[in-house]
Amino acid sequence: MTDNAAMTEPHDLAARIDALEMRLTEQEVTIDDLNATITAQWRQIDALARKVAKLVEDVEEAGHRPGSGAPEPPPPHY
């Protein structure tokens, strides 16, 4: 190793460490953003699943009501 190479090596190492730290920080921000997005999506999925379950329940209940299978009488103007 030459004296010149030994002098620049710590600077190169410090620059590499700085670059890695910046990259890590950016990745942490990205992970936090993705986590927030996924959390919001799961909340929305849960809300939609509850609505679908309620609609299924309403449809099933409507199918069990008396007269639901009988044809409707004709309108009065017939």
PDB file of N, CA and C in Angstrom:
ATOM      1  N   MET A   1       0.821  -1.167   0.000  1.00  0.00           N
ATOM      2  CA  MET A   1       0.000   0.000   0.000  1.00  0.00           C
ATOM      3  C   MET A   1       0.877   1.247   0.000  1.00  0.00           C
ATOM      4  N   THR A   2       0.516   2.219  -0.763  1.00  0.00           N
ATOM      5  CA  THR A   2       1.283   3.462  -0.783  1.00  0.00           C
ATOM      6  C   THR A   2       0.739   4.406   0.271  1.00  0.00           C
ATOM      7  N   ASP A   3       1.531   5.410   0.581  1.00  0.00           N
ATOM      8  CA  ASP A   3       1.097   6.382   1.577  1.00  0.00           C
ATOM      9  C   ASP A   3      -0.149   7.124   1.110  1.00  0.00           C
ATOM     10  N   ASN A   4      -0.238   7.382  -0.171  1.00  0.00           N
ATOM     11  CA  ASN A   4      -1.383   8.086  -0.732  1.00  0.00           C
ATOM     12  C   ASN A   4      -2.654   7.246  -0.586  1.00  0.00           C
ATOM     13  N   ALA A   5      -2.586   5.946  -0.811  1.00  0.00           N
ATOM     14  CA  ALA A   5      -3.741   5.063  -0.691  1.00  0.00           C
ATOM     15  C   ALA A   5      -4.192   4.962   0.759  1.00  0.00           C
ATOM     16  N   ALA A   6      -3.252   4.941   1.686  1.00  0.00           N
ATOM     17  CA  ALA A   6      -3.592   4.859   3.099  1.00  0.00           C
ATOM     18  C   ALA A   6      -4.298   6.118   3.566  1.00  0.00           C
ATOM     19  N   MET A   7      -3.965   7.250   2.986  1.00  0.00           N
ATOM     20  CA  MET A   7      -4.600   8.509   3.375  1.00  0.00           C
ATOM     21  C   MET A   7      -6.047   8.595   2.894  1.00  0.00           C
ATOM     22  N   THR A   8      -6.344   8.085   1.725  1.00  0.00           N
ATOM     23  CA  THR A   8      -7.700   8.197   1.195  1.00  0.00           C
ATOM     24  C   THR A   8      -8.614   7.083   1.702  1.00  0.00           C
ATOM     25  N   GLU A   9      -8.047   6.025   2.200  1.00  0.00           N
ATOM     26  CA  GLU A   9      -8.860   4.898   2.639  1.00  0.00           C
ATOM     27  C   GLU A   9      -9.854   5.261   3.742  1.00  0.00           C
ATOM     28  N   PRO A  10      -9.463   5.947   4.816  1.00  0.00           N
ATOM     29  CA  PRO A  10     -10.442   6.319   5.845  1.00  0.00           C
ATOM     30  C   PRO A  10     -11.548   7.224   5.292  1.00  0.00           C
ATOM     31  N   HIS A  11     -11.175   8.107   4.370  1.00  0.00           N
ATOM     32  CA  HIS A  11     -12.180   8.984   3.770  1.00  0.00           C
ATOM     33  C   HIS A  11     -13.171   8.161   2.954  1.00  0.00           C
ATOM     34  N   ASP A  12     -12.670   7.197   2.197  1.00  0.00           N
ATOM     35  CA  ASP A  12     -13.546   6.337   1.401  1.00  0.00           C
ATOM     36  C   ASP A  12     -14.459   5.514   2.308  1.00  0.00           C
ATOM     37  N   LEU A  13     -13.889   5.019   3.389  1.00  0.00           N
ATOM     38  CA  LEU A  13     -14.670   4.229   4.335  1.00  0.00           C
ATOM     39  C   LEU A  13     -15.763   5.088   4.968  1.00  0.00           C
ATOM     40  N   ALA A  14     -15.425   6.307   5.351  1.00  0.00           N
ATOM     41  CA  ALA A  14     -16.412   7.217   5.941  1.00  0.00           C
ATOM     42  C   ALA A  14     -17.501   7.553   4.927  1.00  0.00           C
ATOM     43  N   ALA A  15     -17.123   7.743   3.660  1.00  0.00           N
ATOM     44  CA  ALA A  15     -18.105   8.040   2.621  1.00  0.00           C
ATOM     45  C   ALA A  15     -19.031   6.850   2.410  1.00  0.00           C
ATOM     46  N   ARG A  16     -18.476   5.638   2.423  1.00  0.00           N
ATOM     47  CA  ARG A  16     -19.298   4.439   2.263  1.00  0.00           C
ATOM     48  C   ARG A  16     -20.264   4.283   3.435  1.00  0.00           C
ATOM     49  N   ILE A  17     -19.780   4.541   4.649  1.00  0.00           N
ATOM     50  CA  ILE A  17     -20.642   4.443   5.828  1.00  0.00           C
ATOM     51  C   ILE A  17     -21.760   5.485   5.751  1.00  0.00           C
ATOM     52  N   ASP A  18     -21.406   6.704   5.356  1.00  0.00           N
ATOM     53  CA  ASP A  18     -22.423   7.752   5.207  1.00  0.00           C
ATOM     54  C   ASP A  18     -23.482   7.340   4.180  1.00  0.00           C
ATOM     55  N   ALA A  19     -23.039   6.780   3.055  1.00  0.00           N
ATOM     56  CA  ALA A  19     -23.972   6.346   2.019  1.00  0.00           C
ATOM     57  C   ALA A  19     -24.885   5.239   2.544  1.00  0.00           C
ATOM     58  N   LEU A  20     -24.323   4.305   3.286  1.00  0.00           N
ATOM     59  CA  LEU A  20     -25.130   3.224   3.856  1.00  0.00           C
ATOM     60  C   LEU A  20     -26.135   3.750   4.873  1.00  0.00           C
ATOM     61  N   GLU A  21     -25.711   4.705   5.698  1.00  0.00           N
ATOM     62  CA  GLU A  21     -26.625   5.285   6.677  1.00  0.00           C
ATOM     63  C   GLU A  21     -27.768   6.023   5.998  1.00  0.00           C
ATOM     64  N   MET A  22     -27.465   6.750   4.929  1.00  0.00           N
ATOM     65  CA  MET A  22     -28.520   7.455   4.185  1.00  0.00           C
ATOM     66  C   MET A  22     -29.481   6.451   3.556  1.00  0.00           C
ATOM     67  N   ARG A  23     -28.923   5.407   3.009  1.00  0.00           N
ATOM     68  CA  ARG A  23     -29.752   4.372   2.385  1.00  0.00           C
ATOM     69  C   ARG A  23     -30.642   3.693   3.424  1.00  0.00           C
ATOM     70  N   LEU A  24     -30.099   3.393   4.594  1.00  0.00           N
ATOM     71  CA  LEU A  24     -30.866   2.780   5.673  1.00  0.00           C
ATOM     72  C   LEU A  24     -32.005   3.697   6.107  1.00  0.00           C
ATOM     73  N   THR A  25     -31.716   4.982   6.233  1.00  0.00           N
ATOM     74  CA  THR A  25     -32.748   5.949   6.631  1.00  0.00           C
ATOM     75  C   THR A  25     -33.870   5.991   5.603  1.00  0.00           C
ATOM     76  N   GLU A  26     -33.516   6.014   4.331  1.00  0.00           N
ATOM     77  CA  GLU A  26     -34.523   6.026   3.269  1.00  0.00           C
ATOM     78  C   GLU A  26     -35.358   4.748   3.297  1.00  0.00           C
ATOM     79  N   GLN A  27     -34.719   3.607   3.555  1.00  0.00           N
ATOM     80  CA  GLN A  27     -35.443   2.346   3.625  1.00  0.00           C
ATOM     81  C   GLN A  27     -36.389   2.310   4.819  1.00  0.00           C
ATOM     82  N   GLU A  28     -35.963   2.868   5.942  1.00  0.00           N
ATOM     83  CA  GLU A  28     -36.833   2.920   7.120  1.00  0.00           C
ATOM     84  C   GLU A  28     -38.072   3.762   6.843  1.00  0.00           C
ATOM     85  N   VAL A  29     -37.898   4.877   6.131  1.00  0.00           N
ATOM     86  CA  VAL A  29     -39.032   5.734   5.767  1.00  0.00           C
ATOM     87  C   VAL A  29     -39.973   4.957   4.836  1.00  0.00           C
ATOM     88  N   THR A  30     -39.406   4.260   3.875  1.00  0.00           N
ATOM     89  CA  THR A  30     -40.211   3.474   2.944  1.00  0.00           C
ATOM     90  C   THR A  30     -40.986   2.383   3.679  1.00  0.00           C
ATOM     91  N   ILE A  31     -40.331   1.702   4.598  1.00  0.00           N
ATOM     92  CA  ILE A  31     -40.991   0.650   5.375  1.00  0.00           C
ATOM     93  C   ILE A  31     -42.132   1.240   6.201  1.00  0.00           C
ATOM     94  N   ASP A  32     -41.900   2.376   6.827  1.00  0.00           N
ATOM     95  CA  ASP A  32     -42.955   3.021   7.615  1.00  0.00           C
ATOM     96  C   ASP A  32     -44.142   3.409   6.726  1.00  0.00           C
ATOM     97  N   ASP A  33     -43.855   3.955   5.541  1.00  0.00           N
ATOM     98  CA  ASP A  33     -44.922   4.324   4.606  1.00  0.00           C
ATOM     99  C   ASP A  33     -45.715   3.090   4.162  1.00  0.00           C
ATOM    100  N   LEU A  34     -45.009   2.018   3.840  1.00  0.00           N
ATOM    101  CA  LEU A  34     -45.682   0.788   3.418  1.00  0.00           C
ATOM    102  C   LEU A  34     -46.521   0.208   4.551  1.00  0.00           C
ATOM    103  N   ASN A  35     -46.010   0.255   5.758  1.00  0.00           N
ATOM    104  CA  ASN A  35     -46.756  -0.244   6.913  1.00  0.00           C
ATOM    105  C   ASN A  35     -48.040   0.555   7.113  1.00  0.00           C
ATOM    106  N   ALA A  36     -47.957   1.862   6.989  1.00  0.00           N
ATOM    107  CA  ALA A  36     -49.147   2.708   7.131  1.00  0.00           C
ATOM    108  C   ALA A  36     -50.169   2.393   6.041  1.00  0.00           C
ATOM    109  N   THR A  37     -49.692   2.175   4.825  1.00  0.00           N
ATOM    110  CA  THR A  37     -50.588   1.848   3.719  1.00  0.00           C
ATOM    111  C   THR A  37     -51.273   0.508   3.950  1.00  0.00           C
ATOM    112  N   ILE A  38     -50.518  -0.483   4.368  1.00  0.00           N
ATOM    113  CA  ILE A  38     -51.085  -1.815   4.612  1.00  0.00           C
ATOM    114  C   ILE A  38     -52.085  -1.767   5.764  1.00  0.00           C
ATOM    115  N   THR A  39     -51.760  -1.029   6.817  1.00  0.00           N
ATOM    116  CA  THR A  39     -52.681  -0.898   7.949  1.00  0.00           C
ATOM    117  C   THR A  39     -53.998  -0.265   7.500  1.00  0.00           C
ATOM    118  N   ALA A  40     -53.921   0.790   6.704  1.00  0.00           N
ATOM    119  CA  ALA A  40     -55.133   1.444   6.203  1.00  0.00           C
ATOM    120  C   ALA A  40     -55.927   0.496   5.314  1.00  0.00           C
ATOM    121  N   GLN A  41     -55.246  -0.281   4.480  1.00  0.00           N
ATOM    122  CA  GLN A  41     -55.940  -1.231   3.605  1.00  0.00           C
ATOM    123  C   GLN A  41     -56.644  -2.310   4.413  1.00  0.00           C
ATOM    124  N   TRP A  42     -56.015  -2.809   5.468  1.00  0.00           N
ATOM    125  CA  TRP A  42     -56.658  -3.832   6.301  1.00  0.00           C
ATOM    126  C   TRP A  42     -57.875  -3.275   7.003  1.00  0.00           C
ATOM    127  N   ARG A  43     -57.804  -2.017   7.447  1.00  0.00           N
ATOM    128  CA  ARG A  43     -59.000  -1.399   8.051  1.00  0.00           C
ATOM    129  C   ARG A  43     -60.134  -1.342   7.040  1.00  0.00           C
ATOM    130  N   GLN A  44     -59.804  -0.955   5.825  1.00  0.00           N
ATOM    131  CA  GLN A  44     -60.829  -0.864   4.782  1.00  0.00           C
ATOM    132  C   GLN A  44     -61.369  -2.254   4.439  1.00  0.00           C
ATOM    133  N   ILE A  45     -60.496  -3.237   4.352  1.00  0.00           N
ATOM    134  CA  ILE A  45     -60.932  -4.608   4.067  1.00  0.00           C
ATOM    135  C   ILE A  45     -61.856  -5.110   5.171  1.00  0.00           C
ATOM    136  N   ASP A  46     -61.505  -4.850   6.427  1.00  0.00           N
ATOM    137  CA  ASP A  46     -62.361  -5.263   7.542  1.00  0.00           C
ATOM    138  C   ASP A  46     -63.734  -4.610   7.457  1.00  0.00           C
ATOM    139  N   ALA A  47     -63.765  -3.303   7.167  1.00  0.00           N
ATOM    140  CA  ALA A  47     -65.041  -2.594   7.055  1.00  0.00           C
ATOM    141  C   ALA A  47     -65.873  -3.168   5.912  1.00  0.00           C
ATOM    142  N   LEU A  48     -65.242  -3.426   4.780  1.00  0.00           N
ATOM    143  CA  LEU A  48     -65.966  -3.986   3.629  1.00  0.00           C
ATOM    144  C   LEU A  48     -66.453  -5.400   3.926  1.00  0.00           C
ATOM    145  N   ALA A  49     -65.656  -6.190   4.613  1.00  0.00           N
ATOM    146  CA  ALA A  49     -66.068  -7.558   4.963  1.00  0.00           C
ATOM    147  C   ALA A  49     -67.281  -7.522   5.882  1.00  0.00           C
ATOM    148  N   ARG A  50     -67.311  -6.585   6.826  1.00  0.00           N
ATOM    149  CA  ARG A  50     -68.483  -6.458   7.706  1.00  0.00           C
ATOM    150  C   ARG A  50     -69.717  -6.055   6.915  1.00  0.00           C
ATOM    151  N   LYS A  51     -69.552  -5.148   5.960  1.00  0.00           N
ATOM    152  CA  LYS A  51     -70.692  -4.721   5.133  1.00  0.00           C
ATOM    153  C   LYS A  51     -71.217  -5.875   4.289  1.00  0.00           C
ATOM    154  N   VAL A  52     -70.322  -6.649   3.709  1.00  0.00           N
ATOM    155  CA  VAL A  52     -70.739  -7.797   2.891  1.00  0.00           C
ATOM    156  C   VAL A  52     -71.466  -8.821   3.758  1.00  0.00           C
ATOM    157  N   ALA A  53     -70.929  -9.085   4.950  1.00  0.00           N
ATOM    158  CA  ALA A  53     -71.584 -10.033   5.853  1.00  0.00           C
ATOM    159  C   ALA A  53     -72.981  -9.549   6.218  1.00  0.00           C
ATOM    160  N   LYS A  54     -73.132  -8.258   6.468  1.00  0.00           N
ATOM    161  CA  LYS A  54     -74.453  -7.683   6.790  1.00  0.00           C
ATOM    162  C   LYS A  54     -75.387  -7.814   5.602  1.00  0.00           C
ATOM    163  N   LEU A  55     -74.888  -7.550   4.408  1.00  0.00           N
ATOM    164  CA  LEU A  55     -75.728  -7.673   3.216  1.00  0.00           C
ATOM    165  C   LEU A  55     -76.165  -9.120   2.998  1.00  0.00           C
ATOM    166  N   VAL A  56     -75.254 -10.063   3.189  1.00  0.00           N
ATOM    167  CA  VAL A  56     -75.597 -11.483   3.051  1.00  0.00           C
ATOM    168  C   VAL A  56     -76.669 -11.849   4.068  1.00  0.00           C
ATOM    169  N   GLU A  57     -76.489 -11.392   5.286  1.00  0.00           N
ATOM    170  CA  GLU A  57     -77.473 -11.657   6.338  1.00  0.00           C
ATOM    171  C   GLU A  57     -78.835 -11.068   5.967  1.00  0.00           C
ATOM    172  N   ASP A  58     -78.841  -9.840   5.458  1.00  0.00           N
ATOM    173  CA  ASP A  58     -80.101  -9.193   5.052  1.00  0.00           C
ATOM    174  C   ASP A  58     -80.782  -9.950   3.923  1.00  0.00           C
ATOM    175  N   VAL A  59     -80.003 -10.400   2.944  1.00  0.00           N
ATOM    176  CA  VAL A  59     -80.567 -11.136   1.812  1.00  0.00           C
ATOM    177  C   VAL A  59     -81.131 -12.476   2.280  1.00  0.00           C
ATOM    178  N   GLU A  60     -80.396 -13.173   3.139  1.00  0.00           N
ATOM    179  CA  GLU A  60     -80.881 -14.451   3.655  1.00  0.00           C
ATOM    180  C   GLU A  60     -82.146 -14.262   4.480  1.00  0.00           C
ATOM    181  N   GLU A  61     -82.165 -13.206   5.277  1.00  0.00           N
ATOM    182  CA  GLU A  61     -83.344 -12.915   6.090  1.00  0.00           C
ATOM    183  C   GLU A  61     -84.537 -12.588   5.198  1.00  0.00           C
ATOM    184  N   ALA A  62     -84.307 -11.833   4.139  1.00  0.00           N
ATOM    185  CA  ALA A  62     -85.396 -11.490   3.221  1.00  0.00           C
ATOM    186  C   ALA A  62     -85.917 -12.735   2.517  1.00  0.00           C
ATOM    187  N   GLY A  63     -85.065 -13.694   2.279  1.00  0.00           N
ATOM    188  CA  GLY A  63     -85.492 -14.930   1.618  1.00  0.00           C
ATOM    189  C   GLY A  63     -86.322 -15.815   2.519  1.00  0.00           C
ATOM    190  N   HIS A  64     -86.240 -15.649   3.828  1.00  0.00           N
ATOM    191  CA  HIS A  64     -86.995 -16.469   4.764  1.00  0.00           C
ATOM    192  C   HIS A  64     -88.298 -15.818   5.218  1.00  0.00           C
ATOM    193  N   ARG A  65     -88.570 -14.619   4.783  1.00  0.00           N
ATOM    194  CA  ARG A  65     -89.806 -13.935   5.173  1.00  0.00           C
ATOM    195  C   ARG A  65     -90.984 -14.593   4.468  1.00  0.00           C
ATOM    196  N   PRO A  66     -92.123 -14.659   5.144  1.00  0.00           N
ATOM    197  CA  PRO A  66     -93.305 -15.242   4.499  1.00  0.00           C
ATOM    198  C   PRO A  66     -93.696 -14.439   3.266  1.00  0.00           C
ATOM    199  N   GLY A  67     -94.059 -15.156   2.250  1.00  0.00           N
ATOM    200  CA  GLY A  67     -94.513 -14.509   1.023  1.00  0.00           C
ATOM    201  C   GLY A  67     -93.396 -14.050   0.118  1.00  0.00           C
ATOM    202  N   SER A  68     -92.176 -14.265   0.523  1.00  0.00           N
ATOM    203  CA  SER A  68     -91.083 -13.777  -0.317  1.00  0.00           C
ATOM    204  C   SER A  68     -90.942 -14.601  -1.588  1.00  0.00           C
ATOM    205  N   GLY A  69     -91.406 -15.861  -1.567  1.00  0.00           N
ATOM    206  CA  GLY A  69     -91.298 -16.693  -2.754  1.00  0.00           C
ATOM    207  C   GLY A  69     -92.523 -16.607  -3.647  1.00  0.00           C
ATOM    208  N   ALA A  70     -93.629 -16.064  -3.128  1.00  0.00           N
ATOM    209  CA  ALA A  70     -94.862 -15.966  -3.911  1.00  0.00           C
ATOM    210  C   ALA A  70     -94.764 -14.802  -4.880  1.00  0.00           C
ATOM    211  N   PRO A  71     -95.410 -14.951  -6.024  1.00  0.00           N
ATOM    212  CA  PRO A  71     -95.389 -13.832  -6.987  1.00  0.00           C
ATOM    213  C   PRO A  71     -96.180 -12.651  -6.432  1.00  0.00           C
ATOM    214  N   GLU A  72     -95.765 -11.490  -6.812  1.00  0.00           N
ATOM    215  CA  GLU A  72     -96.455 -10.281  -6.357  1.00  0.00           C
ATOM    216  C   GLU A  72     -97.800 -10.159  -7.078  1.00  0.00           C
ATOM    217  N   PRO A  73     -98.785  -9.635  -6.394  1.00  0.00           N
ATOM    218  CA  PRO A  73    -100.062  -9.434  -7.080  1.00  0.00           C
ATOM    219  C   PRO A  73     -99.915  -8.348  -8.149  1.00  0.00           C
ATOM    220  N   PRO A  74    -100.757  -8.421  -9.154  1.00  0.00           N
ATOM    221  CA  PRO A  74    -100.658  -7.374 -10.214  1.00  0.00           C
ATOM    222  C   PRO A  74    -101.013  -6.012  -9.652  1.00  0.00           C
ATOM    223  N   PRO A  75    -100.511  -4.983 -10.284  1.00  0.00           N
ATOM    224  CA  PRO A  75    -100.822  -3.632  -9.818  1.00  0.00           C
ATOM    225  C   PRO A  75    -102.332  -3.341  -9.952  1.00  0.00           C
ATOM    226  N   PRO A  76    -102.829  -2.368  -9.194  1.00  0.00           N
ATOM    227  CA  PRO A  76    -104.274  -2.102  -9.174  1.00  0.00           C
ATOM    228  C   PRO A  76    -104.880  -1.713 -10.530  1.00  0.00           C
ATOM    229  N   HIS A  77    -104.115  -1.181 -11.418  1.00  0.00           N
ATOM    230  CA  HIS A  77    -104.689  -0.715 -12.693  1.00  0.00           C
ATOM    231  C   HIS A  77    -104.946  -1.846 -13.675  1.00  0.00           C
ATOM    232  N   TYR A  78    -104.717  -3.095 -13.298  1.00  0.00           N
ATOM    233  CA  TYR A  78    -104.972  -4.219 -14.190  1.00  0.00           C
ATOM    234  C   TYR A  78    -106.421  -4.511 -14.257  1.00  0.00           C
TER     235      TYR A  78
END
